[in-house]
C-alpha atoms as a PDB file:
ATOM      1  CA  UNK A   1     -20.067  36.472  12.794  1.00  0.00           C
ATOM      2  CA  UNK A   2     -17.563  38.227  15.038  1.00  0.00           C
ATOM      3  CA  UNK A   3     -15.759  36.694  18.011  1.00  0.00           C
ATOM      4  CA  UNK A   4     -17.779  38.895  20.385  1.00  0.00           C
ATOM      5  CA  UNK A   5     -21.077  37.602  18.984  1.00  0.00           C
ATOM      6  CA  UNK A   6     -19.960  33.966  19.241  1.00  0.00           C
ATOM      7  CA  UNK A   7     -18.860  34.534  22.862  1.00  0.00           C
ATOM      8  CA  UNK A   8     -22.234  36.093  23.717  1.00  0.00           C
ATOM      9  CA  UNK A   9     -24.141  33.128  22.248  1.00  0.00           C
ATOM     10  CA  UNK A  10     -22.063  30.773  24.388  1.00  0.00           C
ATOM     11  CA  UNK A  11     -22.174  33.006  27.481  1.00  0.00           C
ATOM     12  CA  UNK A  12     -18.382  32.855  27.637  1.00  0.00           C
ATOM     13  CA  UNK A  13     -15.686  35.519  27.601  1.00  0.00           C
ATOM     14  CA  UNK A  14     -14.037  36.393  24.291  1.00  0.00           C
ATOM     15  CA  UNK A  15     -10.709  35.312  25.783  1.00  0.00           C
ATOM     16  CA  UNK A  16     -12.036  31.841  26.643  1.00  0.00           C
ATOM     17  CA  UNK A  17     -13.577  31.408  23.190  1.00  0.00           C
ATOM     18  CA  UNK A  18     -10.368  32.543  21.483  1.00  0.00           C
ATOM     19  CA  UNK A  19      -8.238  30.213  23.577  1.00  0.00           C
ATOM     20  CA  UNK A  20     -10.610  27.292  22.971  1.00  0.00           C
ATOM     21  CA  UNK A  21     -10.516  27.820  19.198  1.00  0.00           C
ATOM     22  CA  UNK A  22      -6.732  28.027  19.241  1.00  0.00           C
ATOM     23  CA  UNK A  23      -6.206  24.896  21.313  1.00  0.00           C
ATOM     24  CA  UNK A  24      -4.743  26.417  24.460  1.00  0.00           C
ATOM     25  CA  UNK A  25      -4.184  23.600  27.013  1.00  0.00           C
ATOM     26  CA  UNK A  26      -5.713  25.552  29.935  1.00  0.00           C
ATOM     27  CA  UNK A  27      -9.168  25.314  28.295  1.00  0.00           C
ATOM     28  CA  UNK A  28     -10.826  22.022  29.252  1.00  0.00           C
ATOM     29  CA  UNK A  29     -11.851  19.555  26.572  1.00  0.00           C
ATOM     30  CA  UNK A  30     -15.597  19.951  27.120  1.00  0.00           C
ATOM     31  CA  UNK A  31     -15.453  23.738  26.657  1.00  0.00           C
ATOM     32  CA  UNK A  32     -13.195  23.395  23.618  1.00  0.00           C
ATOM     33  CA  UNK A  33     -15.610  20.943  21.997  1.00  0.00           C
ATOM     34  CA  UNK A  34     -18.600  23.156  22.774  1.00  0.00           C
ATOM     35  CA  UNK A  35     -16.910  26.219  21.277  1.00  0.00           C
ATOM     36  CA  UNK A  36     -15.789  24.375  18.140  1.00  0.00           C
ATOM     37  CA  UNK A  37     -19.271  22.976  17.547  1.00  0.00           C
ATOM     38  CA  UNK A  38     -20.807  26.431  17.923  1.00  0.00           C
ATOM     39  CA  UNK A  39     -18.222  27.973  15.576  1.00  0.00           C
ATOM     40  CA  UNK A  40     -19.110  25.354  12.980  1.00  0.00           C
ATOM     41  CA  UNK A  41     -22.857  25.816  13.505  1.00  0.00           C
ATOM     42  CA  UNK A  42     -22.784  29.605  13.194  1.00  0.00           C
ATOM     43  CA  UNK A  43     -20.116  29.708  10.460  1.00  0.00           C
ATOM     44  CA  UNK A  44     -17.521  31.527  12.547  1.00  0.00           C
ATOM     45  CA  UNK A  45     -14.011  31.629  11.079  1.00  0.00           C
ATOM     46  CA  UNK A  46     -11.249  33.418  12.934  1.00  0.00           C
ATOM     47  CA  UNK A  47      -9.158  35.934  11.066  1.00  0.00           C
ATOM     48  CA  UNK A  48      -5.765  34.270  10.550  1.00  0.00           C
ATOM     49  CA  UNK A  49      -3.774  37.421  11.293  1.00  0.00           C
ATOM     50  CA  UNK A  50      -5.770  38.092  14.455  1.00  0.00           C
ATOM     51  CA  UNK A  51      -5.292  34.509  15.578  1.00  0.00           C
ATOM     52  CA  UNK A  52      -1.541  34.697  15.072  1.00  0.00           C
ATOM     53  CA  UNK A  53      -1.346  37.992  16.906  1.00  0.00           C
ATOM     54  CA  UNK A  54      -3.302  36.562  19.833  1.00  0.00           C
ATOM     55  CA  UNK A  55      -0.990  33.563  20.054  1.00  0.00           C
ATOM     56  CA  UNK A  56       2.227  35.454  19.423  1.00  0.00           C
ATOM     57  CA  UNK A  57       2.980  33.642  16.169  1.00  0.00           C
ATOM     58  CA  UNK A  58       4.261  34.799  12.798  1.00  0.00           C
ATOM     59  CA  UNK A  59       2.521  32.082  10.758  1.00  0.00           C
ATOM     60  CA  UNK A  60       5.552  30.430   9.179  1.00  0.00           C
ATOM     61  CA  UNK A  61       7.742  27.370   9.691  1.00  0.00           C
ATOM     62  CA  UNK A  62      11.373  27.020   8.652  1.00  0.00           C
ATOM     63  CA  UNK A  63      13.177  24.447   6.535  1.00  0.00           C
ATOM     64  CA  UNK A  64      16.880  24.338   5.777  1.00  0.00           C
ATOM     65  CA  UNK A  65      17.859  23.227   2.279  1.00  0.00           C
ATOM     66  CA  UNK A  66      21.091  21.312   1.502  1.00  0.00           C
ATOM     67  CA  UNK A  67      24.363  23.022   0.688  1.00  0.00           C
ATOM     68  CA  UNK A  68      24.812  20.844  -2.418  1.00  0.00           C
ATOM     69  CA  UNK A  69      22.904  22.598  -5.205  1.00  0.00           C
ATOM     70  CA  UNK A  70      22.358  19.285  -7.015  1.00  0.00           C
ATOM     71  CA  UNK A  71      20.372  17.985  -4.033  1.00  0.00           C
ATOM     72  CA  UNK A  72      18.294  21.066  -3.209  1.00  0.00           C
ATOM     73  CA  UNK A  73      15.253  20.736  -5.412  1.00  0.00           C
ATOM     74  CA  UNK A  74      15.259  17.127  -6.538  1.00  0.00           C
ATOM     75  CA  UNK A  75      12.101  15.010  -6.756  1.00  0.00           C
ATOM     76  CA  UNK A  76      12.211  14.075  -3.045  1.00  0.00           C
ATOM     77  CA  UNK A  77      12.282  17.750  -2.035  1.00  0.00           C
ATOM     78  CA  UNK A  78       9.453  18.598  -4.431  1.00  0.00           C
ATOM     79  CA  UNK A  79       7.234  15.830  -3.033  1.00  0.00           C
ATOM     80  CA  UNK A  80       8.044  16.822   0.549  1.00  0.00           C
ATOM     81  CA  UNK A  81       7.180  20.484  -0.033  1.00  0.00           C
ATOM     82  CA  UNK A  82       3.949  19.489  -1.798  1.00  0.00           C
ATOM     83  CA  UNK A  83       2.911  17.403   1.205  1.00  0.00           C
ATOM     84  CA  UNK A  84       3.675  20.229   3.620  1.00  0.00           C
ATOM     85  CA  UNK A  85       1.721  22.710   1.524  1.00  0.00           C
ATOM     86  CA  UNK A  86      -1.355  20.449   1.459  1.00  0.00           C
ATOM     87  CA  UNK A  87      -1.628  20.516   5.247  1.00  0.00           C
ATOM     88  CA  UNK A  88      -0.183  23.897   6.243  1.00  0.00           C
ATOM     89  CA  UNK A  89      -2.419  25.788   3.813  1.00  0.00           C
ATOM     90  CA  UNK A  90      -5.415  24.798   5.953  1.00  0.00           C
ATOM     91  CA  UNK A  91      -3.999  26.907   8.796  1.00  0.00           C
ATOM     92  CA  UNK A  92      -2.612  29.588   6.469  1.00  0.00           C
ATOM     93  CA  UNK A  93       0.937  28.739   7.542  1.00  0.00           C
ATOM     94  CA  UNK A  94       3.792  29.528   5.152  1.00  0.00           C
ATOM     95  CA  UNK A  95       7.205  27.920   5.006  1.00  0.00           C
ATOM     96  CA  UNK A  96      10.510  29.709   4.777  1.00  0.00           C
ATOM     97  CA  UNK A  97      13.385  28.004   2.941  1.00  0.00           C
ATOM     98  CA  UNK A  98      16.867  28.879   4.208  1.00  0.00           C
ATOM     99  CA  UNK A  99      20.023  27.791   2.360  1.00  0.00           C
ATOM    100  CA  UNK A 100      23.099  26.518   4.169  1.00  0.00           C
ATOM    101  CA  UNK A 101      26.054  28.897   3.933  1.00  0.00           C
ATOM    102  CA  UNK A 102      29.651  27.626   4.136  1.00  0.00           C
ATOM    103  CA  UNK A 103      28.421  24.182   5.260  1.00  0.00           C
ATOM    104  CA  UNK A 104      27.519  25.663   8.672  1.00  0.00           C
ATOM    105  CA  UNK A 105      24.029  24.274   9.206  1.00  0.00           C
ATOM    106  CA  UNK A 106      23.856  24.945  12.944  1.00  0.00           C
ATOM    107  CA  UNK A 107      24.357  28.673  12.328  1.00  0.00           C
ATOM    108  CA  UNK A 108      21.386  28.653   9.939  1.00  0.00           C
ATOM    109  CA  UNK A 109      19.152  27.132  12.620  1.00  0.00           C
ATOM    110  CA  UNK A 110      20.346  29.658  15.202  1.00  0.00           C
ATOM    111  CA  UNK A 111      19.688  32.481  12.741  1.00  0.00           C
ATOM    112  CA  UNK A 112      16.151  31.207  12.098  1.00  0.00           C
ATOM    113  CA  UNK A 113      15.450  31.148  15.831  1.00  0.00           C
ATOM    114  CA  UNK A 114      16.899  34.572  16.583  1.00  0.00           C
ATOM    115  CA  UNK A 115      15.217  36.196  13.565  1.00  0.00           C
ATOM    116  CA  UNK A 116      11.758  35.382  14.987  1.00  0.00           C
ATOM    117  CA  UNK A 117      10.541  34.846  11.419  1.00  0.00           C
ATOM    118  CA  UNK A 118       9.364  31.265  12.042  1.00  0.00           C
ATOM    119  CA  UNK A 119       7.290  29.598  14.753  1.00  0.00           C
ATOM    120  CA  UNK A 120       8.875  26.164  14.353  1.00  0.00           C
ATOM    121  CA  UNK A 121      11.359  24.198  12.252  1.00  0.00           C
ATOM    122  CA  UNK A 122      11.253  20.900  10.359  1.00  0.00           C
ATOM    123  CA  UNK A 123      14.554  19.040  10.576  1.00  0.00           C
ATOM    124  CA  UNK A 124      15.343  16.537   7.808  1.00  0.00           C
ATOM    125  CA  UNK A 125      18.137  14.113   7.014  1.00  0.00           C
ATOM    126  CA  UNK A 126      19.246  13.274  10.573  1.00  0.00           C
ATOM    127  CA  UNK A 127      22.512  11.513  11.337  1.00  0.00           C
ATOM    128  CA  UNK A 128      22.906   8.925  14.092  1.00  0.00           C
ATOM    129  CA  UNK A 129      23.697  11.544  16.744  1.00  0.00           C
ATOM    130  CA  UNK A 130      22.352  14.825  15.401  1.00  0.00           C
ATOM    131  CA  UNK A 131      23.626  18.018  17.029  1.00  0.00           C
ATOM    132  CA  UNK A 132      20.808  20.042  15.421  1.00  0.00           C
ATOM    133  CA  UNK A 133      18.279  18.148  17.533  1.00  0.00           C
ATOM    134  CA  UNK A 134      20.264  18.719  20.734  1.00  0.00           C
ATOM    135  CA  UNK A 135      20.610  22.423  19.930  1.00  0.00           C
ATOM    136  CA  UNK A 136      16.876  22.885  19.271  1.00  0.00           C
ATOM    137  CA  UNK A 137      15.947  21.028  22.465  1.00  0.00           C
ATOM    138  CA  UNK A 138      18.384  23.198  24.448  1.00  0.00           C
ATOM    139  CA  UNK A 139      16.884  26.308  22.837  1.00  0.00           C
ATOM    140  CA  UNK A 140      13.358  25.090  23.702  1.00  0.00           C
ATOM    141  CA  UNK A 141      12.333  25.844  20.127  1.00  0.00           C
ATOM    142  CA  UNK A 142       9.452  23.865  18.514  1.00  0.00           C
ATOM    143  CA  UNK A 143      10.456  21.369  15.826  1.00  0.00           C
ATOM    144  CA  UNK A 144       9.611  18.008  14.270  1.00  0.00           C
ATOM    145  CA  UNK A 145      12.315  15.631  13.065  1.00  0.00           C
ATOM    146  CA  UNK A 146      11.786  13.788   9.788  1.00  0.00           C
ATOM    147  CA  UNK A 147      13.666  10.609  10.632  1.00  0.00           C
ATOM    148  CA  UNK A 148      15.355   9.465  13.835  1.00  0.00           C
ATOM    149  CA  UNK A 149      18.504  10.118  15.807  1.00  0.00           C
ATOM    150  CA  UNK A 150      20.072   8.384  18.798  1.00  0.00           C
ATOM    151  CA  UNK A 151      19.410  11.222  21.228  1.00  0.00           C
ATOM    152  CA  UNK A 152      17.457  10.071  24.266  1.00  0.00           C
ATOM    153  CA  UNK A 153      15.683  13.350  25.004  1.00  0.00           C
ATOM    154  CA  UNK A 154      11.990  13.940  24.248  1.00  0.00           C
ATOM    155  CA  UNK A 155      11.299  15.365  20.791  1.00  0.00           C
ATOM    156  CA  UNK A 156       8.714  14.963  18.046  1.00  0.00           C
ATOM    157  CA  UNK A 157       9.619  12.749  15.093  1.00  0.00           C
ATOM    158  CA  UNK A 158       8.258  10.673  12.221  1.00  0.00           C
ATOM    159  CA  UNK A 159      10.212   7.950  10.462  1.00  0.00           C
ATOM    160  CA  UNK A 160       9.618   4.923   8.274  1.00  0.00           C
ATOM    161  CA  UNK A 161      10.982   1.483   9.137  1.00  0.00           C
ATOM    162  CA  UNK A 162      14.056   1.678   6.914  1.00  0.00           C
ATOM    163  CA  UNK A 163      15.659  -1.363   8.518  1.00  0.00           C
ATOM    164  CA  UNK A 164      12.490  -3.364   7.949  1.00  0.00           C
ATOM    165  CA  UNK A 165      12.280  -2.172   4.331  1.00  0.00           C
ATOM    166  CA  UNK A 166      15.694  -3.509   3.337  1.00  0.00           C
ATOM    167  CA  UNK A 167      15.221  -6.619   5.485  1.00  0.00           C
ATOM    168  CA  UNK A 168      12.014  -7.393   3.564  1.00  0.00           C
ATOM    169  CA  UNK A 169      13.665  -6.696   0.207  1.00  0.00           C
ATOM    170  CA  UNK A 170      16.713  -8.857   0.915  1.00  0.00           C
ATOM    171  CA  UNK A 171      14.569 -11.645   2.421  1.00  0.00           C
ATOM    172  CA  UNK A 172      12.372 -11.732  -0.686  1.00  0.00           C
ATOM    173  CA  UNK A 173      15.431 -12.079  -2.914  1.00  0.00           C
ATOM    174  CA  UNK A 174      16.870 -14.808  -0.669  1.00  0.00           C
ATOM    175  CA  UNK A 175      13.540 -16.651  -0.836  1.00  0.00           C
ATOM    176  CA  UNK A 176      13.821 -16.555  -4.636  1.00  0.00           C
ATOM    177  CA  UNK A 177      17.228 -18.246  -4.413  1.00  0.00           C
ATOM    178  CA  UNK A 178      19.606 -15.287  -4.755  1.00  0.00           C
ATOM    179  CA  UNK A 179      22.872 -15.466  -2.819  1.00  0.00           C
ATOM    180  CA  UNK A 180      24.815 -12.594  -4.433  1.00  0.00           C
ATOM    181  CA  UNK A 181      22.800  -9.501  -3.518  1.00  0.00           C
ATOM    182  CA  UNK A 182      24.094  -5.929  -3.757  1.00  0.00           C
ATOM    183  CA  UNK A 183      22.668  -2.722  -2.281  1.00  0.00           C
ATOM    184  CA  UNK A 184      23.076   0.844  -3.556  1.00  0.00           C
ATOM    185  CA  UNK A 185      21.843   3.343  -1.009  1.00  0.00           C
ATOM    186  CA  UNK A 186      22.366   6.865   0.358  1.00  0.00           C
ATOM    187  CA  UNK A 187      25.437   8.350   1.991  1.00  0.00           C
ATOM    188  CA  UNK A 188      26.868   6.799   5.134  1.00  0.00           C
ATOM    189  CA  UNK A 189      26.167   8.477   8.457  1.00  0.00           C
ATOM    190  CA  UNK A 190      22.562   9.334   7.750  1.00  0.00           C
ATOM    191  CA  UNK A 191      20.274   7.335  10.037  1.00  0.00           C
ATOM    192  CA  UNK A 192      18.046   6.025   7.239  1.00  0.00           C
ATOM    193  CA  UNK A 193      21.054   4.703   5.315  1.00  0.00           C
ATOM    194  CA  UNK A 194      22.646   3.061   8.347  1.00  0.00           C
ATOM    195  CA  UNK A 195      19.320   1.444   9.270  1.00  0.00           C
ATOM    196  CA  UNK A 196      18.843   0.116   5.750  1.00  0.00           C
ATOM    197  CA  UNK A 197      22.263  -1.518   5.762  1.00  0.00           C
ATOM    198  CA  UNK A 198      21.418  -3.110   9.124  1.00  0.00           C
ATOM    199  CA  UNK A 199      18.282  -4.638   7.576  1.00  0.00           C
ATOM    200  CA  UNK A 200      20.247  -5.919   4.576  1.00  0.00           C
ATOM    201  CA  UNK A 201      22.956  -7.431   6.775  1.00  0.00           C
ATOM    202  CA  UNK A 202      20.398  -8.963   9.143  1.00  0.00           C
ATOM    203  CA  UNK A 203      18.580 -10.781   6.334  1.00  0.00           C
ATOM    204  CA  UNK A 204      21.765 -12.187   4.794  1.00  0.00           C
ATOM    205  CA  UNK A 205      23.273 -13.169   8.144  1.00  0.00           C
ATOM    206  CA  UNK A 206      20.122 -15.017   9.221  1.00  0.00           C
ATOM    207  CA  UNK A 207      20.386 -17.182   6.076  1.00  0.00           C
ATOM    208  CA  UNK A 208      24.112 -17.803   6.510  1.00  0.00           C
ATOM    209  CA  UNK A 209      24.986 -15.846   3.349  1.00  0.00           C
ATOM    210  CA  UNK A 210      28.439 -14.261   3.379  1.00  0.00           C
ATOM    211  CA  UNK A 211      28.368 -10.483   2.927  1.00  0.00           C
ATOM    212  CA  UNK A 212      30.637  -9.207   0.158  1.00  0.00           C
ATOM    213  CA  UNK A 213      31.831  -5.668   1.043  1.00  0.00           C
ATOM    214  CA  UNK A 214      32.114  -4.875  -2.679  1.00  0.00           C
ATOM    215  CA  UNK A 215      28.326  -5.222  -2.892  1.00  0.00           C
ATOM    216  CA  UNK A 216      27.551  -2.436  -0.399  1.00  0.00           C
ATOM    217  CA  UNK A 217      27.432   1.049  -1.979  1.00  0.00           C
ATOM    218  CA  UNK A 218      26.696   4.368  -0.250  1.00  0.00           C
ATOM    219  CA  UNK A 219      26.450   7.490  -2.403  1.00  0.00           C
ATOM    220  CA  UNK A 220      24.048  10.188  -3.609  1.00  0.00           C
ATOM    221  CA  UNK A 221      20.715   9.151  -5.112  1.00  0.00           C
ATOM    222  CA  UNK A 222      21.016   9.708  -8.857  1.00  0.00           C
ATOM    223  CA  UNK A 223      20.603   7.968 -12.193  1.00  0.00           C
ATOM    224  CA  UNK A 224      24.291   8.524 -12.973  1.00  0.00           C
ATOM    225  CA  UNK A 225      25.540   6.871  -9.783  1.00  0.00           C
ATOM    226  CA  UNK A 226      23.090   3.986 -10.150  1.00  0.00           C
ATOM    227  CA  UNK A 227      24.376   3.402 -13.683  1.00  0.00           C
ATOM    228  CA  UNK A 228      28.087   3.690 -12.827  1.00  0.00           C
ATOM    229  CA  UNK A 229      27.942   1.523  -9.706  1.00  0.00           C
ATOM    230  CA  UNK A 230      25.883  -1.168 -11.441  1.00  0.00           C
ATOM    231  CA  UNK A 231      28.449  -1.310 -14.231  1.00  0.00           C
ATOM    232  CA  UNK A 232      31.137  -1.851 -11.595  1.00  0.00           C
ATOM    233  CA  UNK A 233      29.094  -4.474  -9.761  1.00  0.00           C
ATOM    234  CA  UNK A 234      28.425  -6.421 -12.956  1.00  0.00           C
ATOM    235  CA  UNK A 235      32.170  -6.556 -13.624  1.00  0.00           C
ATOM    236  CA  UNK A 236      32.786  -8.322 -10.284  1.00  0.00           C
ATOM    237  CA  UNK A 237      33.398 -12.048  -9.972  1.00  0.00           C
ATOM    238  CA  UNK A 238      31.020 -13.369  -8.899  1.00  0.00           C
ATOM    239  CA  UNK A 239      28.647 -10.664 -10.026  1.00  0.00           C
ATOM    240  CA  UNK A 240      25.437  -9.916  -8.124  1.00  0.00           C
ATOM    241  CA  UNK A 241      22.272 -11.542  -9.402  1.00  0.00           C
ATOM    242  CA  UNK A 242      20.135  -9.012  -7.531  1.00  0.00           C
ATOM    243  CA  UNK A 243      20.378  -5.357  -6.502  1.00  0.00           C
ATOM    244  CA  UNK A 244      18.427  -3.343  -3.924  1.00  0.00           C
ATOM    245  CA  UNK A 245      18.296   0.364  -4.839  1.00  0.00           C
ATOM    246  CA  UNK A 246      17.641   3.039  -2.232  1.00  0.00           C
ATOM    247  CA  UNK A 247      15.575   5.302  -4.486  1.00  0.00           C
ATOM    248  CA  UNK A 248      13.752   5.355  -7.788  1.00  0.00           C
ATOM    249  CA  UNK A 249      16.393   7.763  -9.137  1.00  0.00           C
ATOM    250  CA  UNK A 250      19.090   5.175  -8.433  1.00  0.00           C
ATOM    251  CA  UNK A 251      16.931   2.395  -9.859  1.00  0.00           C
ATOM    252  CA  UNK A 252      16.677   4.178 -13.205  1.00  0.00           C
ATOM    253  CA  UNK A 253      20.464   4.067 -13.511  1.00  0.00           C
ATOM    254  CA  UNK A 254      20.575   0.438 -12.396  1.00  0.00           C
ATOM    255  CA  UNK A 255      18.001  -0.499 -15.056  1.00  0.00           C
ATOM    256  CA  UNK A 256      19.974   1.303 -17.746  1.00  0.00           C
ATOM    257  CA  UNK A 257      23.220  -0.464 -16.819  1.00  0.00           C
ATOM    258  CA  UNK A 258      21.510  -3.869 -16.750  1.00  0.00           C
ATOM    259  CA  UNK A 259      20.067  -3.315 -20.239  1.00  0.00           C
ATOM    260  CA  UNK A 260      23.411  -1.975 -21.444  1.00  0.00           C
ATOM    261  CA  UNK A 261      24.959  -5.302 -20.402  1.00  0.00           C
ATOM    262  CA  UNK A 262      22.399  -7.161 -22.512  1.00  0.00           C
ATOM    263  CA  UNK A 263      20.567  -8.509 -19.477  1.00  0.00           C
ATOM    264  CA  UNK A 264      16.872  -8.411 -18.569  1.00  0.00           C
ATOM    265  CA  UNK A 265      15.565  -7.148 -15.246  1.00  0.00           C
ATOM    266  CA  UNK A 266      13.926  -9.974 -13.343  1.00  0.00           C
ATOM    267  CA  UNK A 267      15.980 -12.520 -15.299  1.00  0.00           C
ATOM    268  CA  UNK A 268      19.782 -12.250 -15.139  1.00  0.00           C
ATOM    269  CA  UNK A 269      19.518  -9.424 -12.594  1.00  0.00           C
ATOM    270  CA  UNK A 270      16.640  -8.786 -10.209  1.00  0.00           C
ATOM    271  CA  UNK A 271      15.981  -5.304  -8.872  1.00  0.00           C
ATOM    272  CA  UNK A 272      14.011  -4.017  -5.892  1.00  0.00           C
ATOM    273  CA  UNK A 273      13.828  -0.279  -5.308  1.00  0.00           C
ATOM    274  CA  UNK A 274      12.637   1.895  -2.467  1.00  0.00           C
ATOM    275  CA  UNK A 275       9.785   3.810  -4.066  1.00  0.00           C
ATOM    276  CA  UNK A 276       8.757   7.248  -2.784  1.00  0.00           C
ATOM    277  CA  UNK A 277       5.542   7.098  -4.848  1.00  0.00           C
ATOM    278  CA  UNK A 278       6.419   9.814  -7.344  1.00  0.00           C
ATOM    279  CA  UNK A 279       3.360  10.749  -9.448  1.00  0.00           C
ATOM    280  CA  UNK A 280       5.478  10.867 -12.607  1.00  0.00           C
ATOM    281  CA  UNK A 281       7.363   7.569 -11.976  1.00  0.00           C
ATOM    282  CA  UNK A 282       4.797   4.840 -11.484  1.00  0.00           C
ATOM    283  CA  UNK A 283       6.560   1.585 -10.574  1.00  0.00           C
ATOM    284  CA  UNK A 284       3.649  -0.539 -11.820  1.00  0.00           C
ATOM    285  CA  UNK A 285       3.775   1.070 -15.290  1.00  0.00           C
ATOM    286  CA  UNK A 286       7.502   0.562 -15.871  1.00  0.00           C
ATOM    287  CA  UNK A 287       8.786  -2.205 -18.172  1.00  0.00           C
ATOM    288  CA  UNK A 288       9.215  -4.537 -16.478  1.00  0.00           C
ATOM    289  CA  UNK A 289       7.055  -3.379 -13.567  1.00  0.00           C
ATOM    290  CA  UNK A 290       9.174  -2.669 -10.509  1.00  0.00           C
ATOM    291  CA  UNK A 291       9.195  -4.552  -7.219  1.00  0.00           C
ATOM    292  CA  UNK A 292       9.252  -1.890  -4.502  1.00  0.00           C
ATOM    293  CA  UNK A 293       9.215  -1.118  -0.832  1.00  0.00           C
ATOM    294  CA  UNK A 294       6.621   1.655  -0.880  1.00  0.00           C
ATOM    295  CA  UNK A 295       6.739   4.861   1.125  1.00  0.00           C
ATOM    296  CA  UNK A 296       5.143   8.174   0.208  1.00  0.00           C
ATOM    297  CA  UNK A 297       7.316  11.224   0.869  1.00  0.00           C
ATOM    298  CA  UNK A 298       4.270  13.435   0.302  1.00  0.00           C
ATOM    299  CA  UNK A 299       2.157  11.571   2.886  1.00  0.00           C
ATOM    300  CA  UNK A 300       4.998  11.737   5.406  1.00  0.00           C
ATOM    301  CA  UNK A 301       5.313  15.500   4.894  1.00  0.00           C
ATOM    302  CA  UNK A 302       1.575  15.998   5.375  1.00  0.00           C
ATOM    303  CA  UNK A 303       1.711  14.037   8.623  1.00  0.00           C
ATOM    304  CA  UNK A 304       4.779  15.977   9.812  1.00  0.00           C
ATOM    305  CA  UNK A 305       2.881  19.221   9.197  1.00  0.00           C
ATOM    306  CA  UNK A 306       0.037  17.887  11.352  1.00  0.00           C
ATOM    307  CA  UNK A 307       2.526  16.991  14.078  1.00  0.00           C
ATOM    308  CA  UNK A 308       4.012  20.468  13.910  1.00  0.00           C
ATOM    309  CA  UNK A 309       0.598  22.029  14.500  1.00  0.00           C
ATOM    310  CA  UNK A 310       0.193  19.771  17.543  1.00  0.00           C
ATOM    311  CA  UNK A 311       3.590  20.847  18.876  1.00  0.00           C
ATOM    312  CA  UNK A 312       2.688  24.512  18.407  1.00  0.00           C
ATOM    313  CA  UNK A 313      -0.628  23.915  20.195  1.00  0.00           C
ATOM    314  CA  UNK A 314       1.274  22.768  23.266  1.00  0.00           C
ATOM    315  CA  UNK A 315       0.890  18.985  23.110  1.00  0.00           C
ATOM    316  CA  UNK A 316       3.780  17.238  24.957  1.00  0.00           C
ATOM    317  CA  UNK A 317       6.389  16.071  22.444  1.00  0.00           C
ATOM    318  CA  UNK A 318       6.794  12.784  24.349  1.00  0.00           C
ATOM    319  CA  UNK A 319       3.532  11.706  22.679  1.00  0.00           C
ATOM    320  CA  UNK A 320       4.355  12.908  19.166  1.00  0.00           C
ATOM    321  CA  UNK A 321       6.335  10.245  17.345  1.00  0.00           C
ATOM    322  CA  UNK A 322       5.458   7.628  14.737  1.00  0.00           C
ATOM    323  CA  UNK A 323       7.290   4.782  13.014  1.00  0.00           C
ATOM    324  CA  UNK A 324       5.577   3.833   9.761  1.00  0.00           C
ATOM    325  CA  UNK A 325       5.826   0.261   8.418  1.00  0.00           C
ATOM    326  CA  UNK A 326       6.927  -0.228   4.829  1.00  0.00           C
ATOM    327  CA  UNK A 327       5.102  -2.563   2.465  1.00  0.00           C
ATOM    328  CA  UNK A 328       6.886  -4.793  -0.055  1.00  0.00           C
ATOM    329  CA  UNK A 329       5.043  -4.899  -3.398  1.00  0.00           C
ATOM    330  CA  UNK A 330       6.261  -7.725  -5.630  1.00  0.00           C
ATOM    331  CA  UNK A 331       6.204  -7.152  -9.399  1.00  0.00           C
ATOM    332  CA  UNK A 332       8.146  -8.317 -12.452  1.00  0.00           C
ATOM    333  CA  UNK A 333      11.629  -6.891 -11.737  1.00  0.00           C
ATOM    334  CA  UNK A 334      12.390  -9.593  -9.156  1.00  0.00           C
ATOM    335  CA  UNK A 335      12.564 -13.283 -10.032  1.00  0.00           C
ATOM    336  CA  UNK A 336      14.650 -16.394  -9.415  1.00  0.00           C
ATOM    337  CA  UNK A 337      18.302 -16.158 -10.508  1.00  0.00           C
ATOM    338  CA  UNK A 338      19.163 -17.601 -13.903  1.00  0.00           C
ATOM    339  CA  UNK A 339      22.502 -17.966 -15.649  1.00  0.00           C
ATOM    340  CA  UNK A 340      23.637 -16.340 -18.822  1.00  0.00           C
END
């Protein structure tokens, strides 16, 4: 069925039908619902290229990838792109990856806007006050922020409760009797990392446990850093009896260092990791099974893609923001502290 035929069946103009199908705000909800039901009934499917042309879109969204080559296509990035693809493919929207040149990220965003090759941008890895967000708001360019920033101007965002995640993890360990608890998380300055440290500090402070600055580590997420920092921590006096790791990659290194010391996870050293639900690293199948604060990077990306479609369809960004709770799943890697 062609657009003209669908319009004739509904006794509406082709323009009204097209705008209803594409979510234009000037079409009232009743008409939009009527048109969508008829399109479904008669099997009408708009040509993607025609739809883009009608709406002045190119059918692509932009993402900027890190300058550090070791961080560009790690497991987190792979899961995020997979989640985006699952949702954007339904609207035949592509994504364009742009590398950072000479550490000048703002210039990359400006180039994406001026090139007119993307309809919107996904911004990841925000810092506490993120100039990218301010620039995109000033440019009136559609975007969704993955994370949060302390900029009090309306914009679309999705984040998980990072502070709550580390508060839950530290509280669980304190409930088990641990008093020497370390954390190994991402780089300082990033909002997620700062929020996680706040949760860790809050839990310890509420129980009157002194915070040892040697036990707070901020670095890249990697097996190597998890291993090296855990070796250092286990050489401290007193040494931590529990560690909270910011990612499964870090946790792998922590586990290796604990075994290398002749200790058992969940015995001499307990471990809780933030788990991004990687399909090839199942926390419940590890030995011992891993206590985690669960959060799916893929699910978050799928939801961000949905939000981006809403932004492009003209929904006010004041209404497009979500803070997802994080669930603590207790398994064998966390237990009461023992000596020796």
